[in-house]
Amino acid sequence: MRWLLLTSVFLAGCSRKAPAPDLKAELEKRFQTEMTGATLVGHSAMPDQQTMSGEERYSIEKVSHLGGDTWLLTARMQIEGHAFPVPVPVQIKWAGDTPVIELTDLSIPGLGTYTARVVLYRDQYAGTWSSKDHGGQLFGKIEHPH
């Protein structure tokens, strides 16, 4: 009997419906507003090398909804003392009211090819990432302009 009850509870949790259209539009608008100008400040850990990075900062200059699940995040990258915008097309999936950034084998010219899943929730982020020869977890806080 316990098994049946636990299975029912598990399946009920898995059958969660997508947000209603009005709610989804509201969530998308809030995502776009909150992430435009935001900076992700945190660390990444590479378990295969048993190391953690120093502080990493990813500045999001602009967030644009291209349609469906496709969004364009324009990040400000700093490489060798030069800062420049890098448009990164991503998929945003929703886990209830929580946006999840998905990119799979995305080639970013001059930087490499990446796969990632990043959850954004209440001014924090966490996820996994990988490139051709390494990967790991990333986590931190989301700072908003004042």
C-alpha atoms as a PDB file:
ATOM      1  CA  MET A   1       0.000   0.000   0.000  1.00  0.00           C
ATOM      2  CA  ARG A   2       2.825   2.419   0.843  1.00  0.00           C
ATOM      3  CA  TRP A   3       4.384   1.730  -2.538  1.00  0.00           C
ATOM      4  CA  LEU A   4       1.124   2.685  -4.299  1.00  0.00           C
ATOM      5  CA  LEU A   5       0.839   5.897  -2.267  1.00  0.00           C
ATOM      6  CA  LEU A   6       4.473   6.888  -2.934  1.00  0.00           C
ATOM      7  CA  THR A   7       4.116   6.095  -6.631  1.00  0.00           C
ATOM      8  CA  SER A   8       0.940   8.198  -6.840  1.00  0.00           C
ATOM      9  CA  VAL A   9       2.610  11.147  -5.114  1.00  0.00           C
ATOM     10  CA  PHE A  10       5.669  10.856  -7.386  1.00  0.00           C
ATOM     11  CA  LEU A  11       3.591  10.666 -10.561  1.00  0.00           C
ATOM     12  CA  ALA A  12       1.401  13.574  -9.497  1.00  0.00           C
ATOM     13  CA  GLY A  13       4.545  15.675  -9.052  1.00  0.00           C
ATOM     14  CA  CYS A  14       5.826  14.645 -12.500  1.00  0.00           C
ATOM     15  CA  SER A  15       2.624  15.575 -14.257  1.00  0.00           C
ATOM     16  CA  ARG A  16       2.926  19.260 -13.471  1.00  0.00           C
ATOM     17  CA  LYS A  17       1.471  21.323 -16.286  1.00  0.00           C
ATOM     18  CA  ALA A  18       3.221  24.171 -18.056  1.00  0.00           C
ATOM     19  CA  PRO A  19       2.304  27.624 -16.762  1.00  0.00           C
ATOM     20  CA  ALA A  20      -0.941  29.084 -18.125  1.00  0.00           C
ATOM     21  CA  PRO A  21      -0.359  31.463 -21.080  1.00  0.00           C
ATOM     22  CA  ASP A  22      -1.004  34.620 -19.000  1.00  0.00           C
ATOM     23  CA  LEU A  23       1.279  33.412 -16.222  1.00  0.00           C
ATOM     24  CA  LYS A  24       3.972  32.396 -18.721  1.00  0.00           C
ATOM     25  CA  ALA A  25       3.885  35.851 -20.332  1.00  0.00           C
ATOM     26  CA  GLU A  26       4.233  37.437 -16.883  1.00  0.00           C
ATOM     27  CA  LEU A  27       7.144  35.112 -15.983  1.00  0.00           C
ATOM     28  CA  GLU A  28       8.886  35.843 -19.292  1.00  0.00           C
ATOM     29  CA  LYS A  29       8.512  39.605 -18.828  1.00  0.00           C
ATOM     30  CA  ARG A  30       9.893  39.393 -15.280  1.00  0.00           C
ATOM     31  CA  PHE A  31      12.806  37.225 -16.499  1.00  0.00           C
ATOM     32  CA  GLN A  32      13.671  39.724 -19.232  1.00  0.00           C
ATOM     33  CA  THR A  33      13.450  42.715 -16.873  1.00  0.00           C
ATOM     34  CA  GLU A  34      15.389  41.122 -14.013  1.00  0.00           C
ATOM     35  CA  MET A  35      18.178  39.644 -16.130  1.00  0.00           C
ATOM     36  CA  THR A  36      18.828  42.688 -18.343  1.00  0.00           C
ATOM     37  CA  GLY A  37      21.769  44.444 -16.712  1.00  0.00           C
ATOM     38  CA  ALA A  38      22.292  41.663 -14.144  1.00  0.00           C
ATOM     39  CA  THR A  39      25.652  40.171 -13.228  1.00  0.00           C
ATOM     40  CA  LEU A  40      26.134  36.548 -12.211  1.00  0.00           C
ATOM     41  CA  VAL A  41      28.861  36.451  -9.565  1.00  0.00           C
ATOM     42  CA  GLY A  42      30.112  33.109  -8.359  1.00  0.00           C
ATOM     43  CA  HIS A  43      32.393  30.140  -8.884  1.00  0.00           C
ATOM     44  CA  SER A  44      32.708  26.989 -10.915  1.00  0.00           C
ATOM     45  CA  ALA A  45      33.995  23.692  -9.625  1.00  0.00           C
ATOM     46  CA  MET A  46      35.676  21.080 -11.768  1.00  0.00           C
ATOM     47  CA  PRO A  47      35.315  17.777  -9.877  1.00  0.00           C
ATOM     48  CA  ASP A  48      37.508  15.882 -12.328  1.00  0.00           C
ATOM     49  CA  GLN A  49      40.388  18.207 -11.414  1.00  0.00           C
ATOM     50  CA  GLN A  50      39.242  18.734  -7.800  1.00  0.00           C
ATOM     51  CA  THR A  51      39.543  22.505  -8.185  1.00  0.00           C
ATOM     52  CA  MET A  52      37.342  25.544  -7.742  1.00  0.00           C
ATOM     53  CA  SER A  53      37.711  28.771  -9.662  1.00  0.00           C
ATOM     54  CA  GLY A  54      38.294  32.172  -8.227  1.00  0.00           C
ATOM     55  CA  GLU A  55      35.383  34.581  -8.478  1.00  0.00           C
ATOM     56  CA  GLU A  56      33.775  34.635 -11.925  1.00  0.00           C
ATOM     57  CA  ARG A  57      31.544  37.436 -13.214  1.00  0.00           C
ATOM     58  CA  TYR A  58      29.158  37.189 -16.135  1.00  0.00           C
ATOM     59  CA  SER A  59      27.497  40.482 -17.030  1.00  0.00           C
ATOM     60  CA  ILE A  60      24.249  40.278 -18.996  1.00  0.00           C
ATOM     61  CA  GLU A  61      23.830  43.487 -20.998  1.00  0.00           C
ATOM     62  CA  LYS A  62      20.532  42.605 -22.610  1.00  0.00           C
ATOM     63  CA  VAL A  63      17.961  39.827 -22.754  1.00  0.00           C
ATOM     64  CA  SER A  64      15.725  39.482 -25.815  1.00  0.00           C
ATOM     65  CA  HIS A  65      12.919  37.003 -26.399  1.00  0.00           C
ATOM     66  CA  LEU A  66      13.237  35.727 -29.962  1.00  0.00           C
ATOM     67  CA  GLY A  67      10.106  33.542 -29.814  1.00  0.00           C
ATOM     68  CA  GLY A  68       9.040  30.215 -28.351  1.00  0.00           C
ATOM     69  CA  ASP A  69      11.711  29.001 -25.933  1.00  0.00           C
ATOM     70  CA  THR A  70      14.535  30.844 -27.745  1.00  0.00           C
ATOM     71  CA  TRP A  71      16.158  33.851 -26.098  1.00  0.00           C
ATOM     72  CA  LEU A  72      19.235  35.910 -26.859  1.00  0.00           C
ATOM     73  CA  LEU A  73      21.442  36.767 -23.884  1.00  0.00           C
ATOM     74  CA  THR A  74      23.993  39.419 -24.759  1.00  0.00           C
ATOM     75  CA  ALA A  75      26.818  38.894 -22.290  1.00  0.00           C
ATOM     76  CA  ARG A  76      29.746  41.243 -21.741  1.00  0.00           C
ATOM     77  CA  MET A  77      32.921  39.165 -21.937  1.00  0.00           C
ATOM     78  CA  GLN A  78      36.321  40.295 -20.695  1.00  0.00           C
ATOM     79  CA  ILE A  79      39.215  38.586 -22.437  1.00  0.00           C
ATOM     80  CA  GLU A  80      42.829  39.731 -22.260  1.00  0.00           C
ATOM     81  CA  GLY A  81      41.832  43.178 -20.987  1.00  0.00           C
ATOM     82  CA  HIS A  82      39.247  43.806 -23.697  1.00  0.00           C
ATOM     83  CA  ALA A  83      35.496  43.822 -23.036  1.00  0.00           C
ATOM     84  CA  PHE A  84      33.033  43.092 -25.808  1.00  0.00           C
ATOM     85  CA  PRO A  85      29.418  41.917 -26.172  1.00  0.00           C
ATOM     86  CA  VAL A  86      28.804  38.269 -27.061  1.00  0.00           C
ATOM     87  CA  PRO A  87      25.276  37.314 -28.171  1.00  0.00           C
ATOM     88  CA  VAL A  88      24.443  33.837 -26.875  1.00  0.00           C
ATOM     89  CA  PRO A  89      21.247  32.150 -28.128  1.00  0.00           C
ATOM     90  CA  VAL A  90      19.777  29.895 -25.432  1.00  0.00           C
ATOM     91  CA  GLN A  91      16.629  27.956 -24.702  1.00  0.00           C
ATOM     92  CA  ILE A  92      14.704  28.944 -21.577  1.00  0.00           C
ATOM     93  CA  LYS A  93      12.577  26.163 -20.143  1.00  0.00           C
ATOM     94  CA  TRP A  94      10.316  26.644 -17.165  1.00  0.00           C
ATOM     95  CA  ALA A  95      10.225  24.429 -14.085  1.00  0.00           C
ATOM     96  CA  GLY A  96       7.032  25.919 -12.653  1.00  0.00           C
ATOM     97  CA  ASP A  97       7.986  29.577 -12.062  1.00  0.00           C
ATOM     98  CA  THR A  98      11.723  28.926 -12.349  1.00  0.00           C
ATOM     99  CA  PRO A  99      13.693  29.631 -15.548  1.00  0.00           C
ATOM    100  CA  VAL A 100      16.287  27.066 -16.614  1.00  0.00           C
ATOM    101  CA  ILE A 101      18.873  28.108 -19.213  1.00  0.00           C
ATOM    102  CA  GLU A 102      19.676  25.321 -21.666  1.00  0.00           C
ATOM    103  CA  LEU A 103      22.360  25.279 -24.298  1.00  0.00           C
ATOM    104  CA  THR A 104      23.613  22.148 -26.009  1.00  0.00           C
ATOM    105  CA  ASP A 105      26.836  21.962 -28.001  1.00  0.00           C
ATOM    106  CA  LEU A 106      26.683  25.690 -28.737  1.00  0.00           C
ATOM    107  CA  SER A 107      29.747  26.956 -30.584  1.00  0.00           C
ATOM    108  CA  ILE A 108      30.747  30.464 -29.537  1.00  0.00           C
ATOM    109  CA  PRO A 109      33.340  31.808 -31.998  1.00  0.00           C
ATOM    110  CA  GLY A 110      36.698  32.317 -30.357  1.00  0.00           C
ATOM    111  CA  LEU A 111      35.573  30.762 -27.058  1.00  0.00           C
ATOM    112  CA  GLY A 112      34.669  27.116 -27.756  1.00  0.00           C
ATOM    113  CA  THR A 113      31.672  24.800 -27.741  1.00  0.00           C
ATOM    114  CA  TYR A 114      29.572  24.515 -24.588  1.00  0.00           C
ATOM    115  CA  THR A 115      26.682  22.638 -23.060  1.00  0.00           C
ATOM    116  CA  ALA A 116      24.995  23.905 -19.888  1.00  0.00           C
ATOM    117  CA  ARG A 117      21.901  23.722 -17.704  1.00  0.00           C
ATOM    118  CA  VAL A 118      21.554  26.618 -15.264  1.00  0.00           C
ATOM    119  CA  VAL A 119      18.692  27.197 -12.826  1.00  0.00           C
ATOM    120  CA  LEU A 120      17.959  30.809 -11.813  1.00  0.00           C
ATOM    121  CA  TYR A 121      15.984  31.309  -8.612  1.00  0.00           C
ATOM    122  CA  ARG A 122      15.647  34.127  -6.069  1.00  0.00           C
ATOM    123  CA  ASP A 123      18.852  35.938  -6.964  1.00  0.00           C
ATOM    124  CA  GLN A 124      20.889  32.717  -7.078  1.00  0.00           C
ATOM    125  CA  TYR A 125      22.025  30.413  -9.845  1.00  0.00           C
ATOM    126  CA  ALA A 126      23.386  26.880 -10.009  1.00  0.00           C
ATOM    127  CA  GLY A 127      24.010  24.404 -12.752  1.00  0.00           C
ATOM    128  CA  THR A 128      26.293  22.215 -14.782  1.00  0.00           C
ATOM    129  CA  TRP A 129      28.426  22.977 -17.810  1.00  0.00           C
ATOM    130  CA  SER A 130      30.826  21.204 -20.112  1.00  0.00           C
ATOM    131  CA  SER A 131      33.077  21.919 -23.044  1.00  0.00           C
ATOM    132  CA  LYS A 132      35.132  19.643 -25.262  1.00  0.00           C
ATOM    133  CA  ASP A 133      37.672  18.635 -22.635  1.00  0.00           C
ATOM    134  CA  HIS A 134      36.348  19.729 -19.231  1.00  0.00           C
ATOM    135  CA  GLY A 135      33.310  20.781 -17.256  1.00  0.00           C
ATOM    136  CA  GLY A 136      31.755  20.925 -13.841  1.00  0.00           C
ATOM    137  CA  GLN A 137      29.271  22.818 -11.715  1.00  0.00           C
ATOM    138  CA  LEU A 138      28.717  26.534 -11.338  1.00  0.00           C
ATOM    139  CA  PHE A 139      26.910  28.517  -8.676  1.00  0.00           C
ATOM    140  CA  GLY A 140      26.575  31.990  -7.263  1.00  0.00           C
ATOM    141  CA  LYS A 141      24.386  35.017  -6.795  1.00  0.00           C
ATOM    142  CA  ILE A 142      22.641  37.287  -9.274  1.00  0.00           C
ATOM    143  CA  GLU A 143      23.338  40.976  -8.735  1.00  0.00           C
ATOM    144  CA  HIS A 144      20.976  43.578 -10.148  1.00  0.00           C
ATOM    145  CA  PRO A 145      21.805  47.182 -11.061  1.00  0.00           C
ATOM    146  CA  HIS A 146      20.770  49.700  -8.427  1.00  0.00           C
END
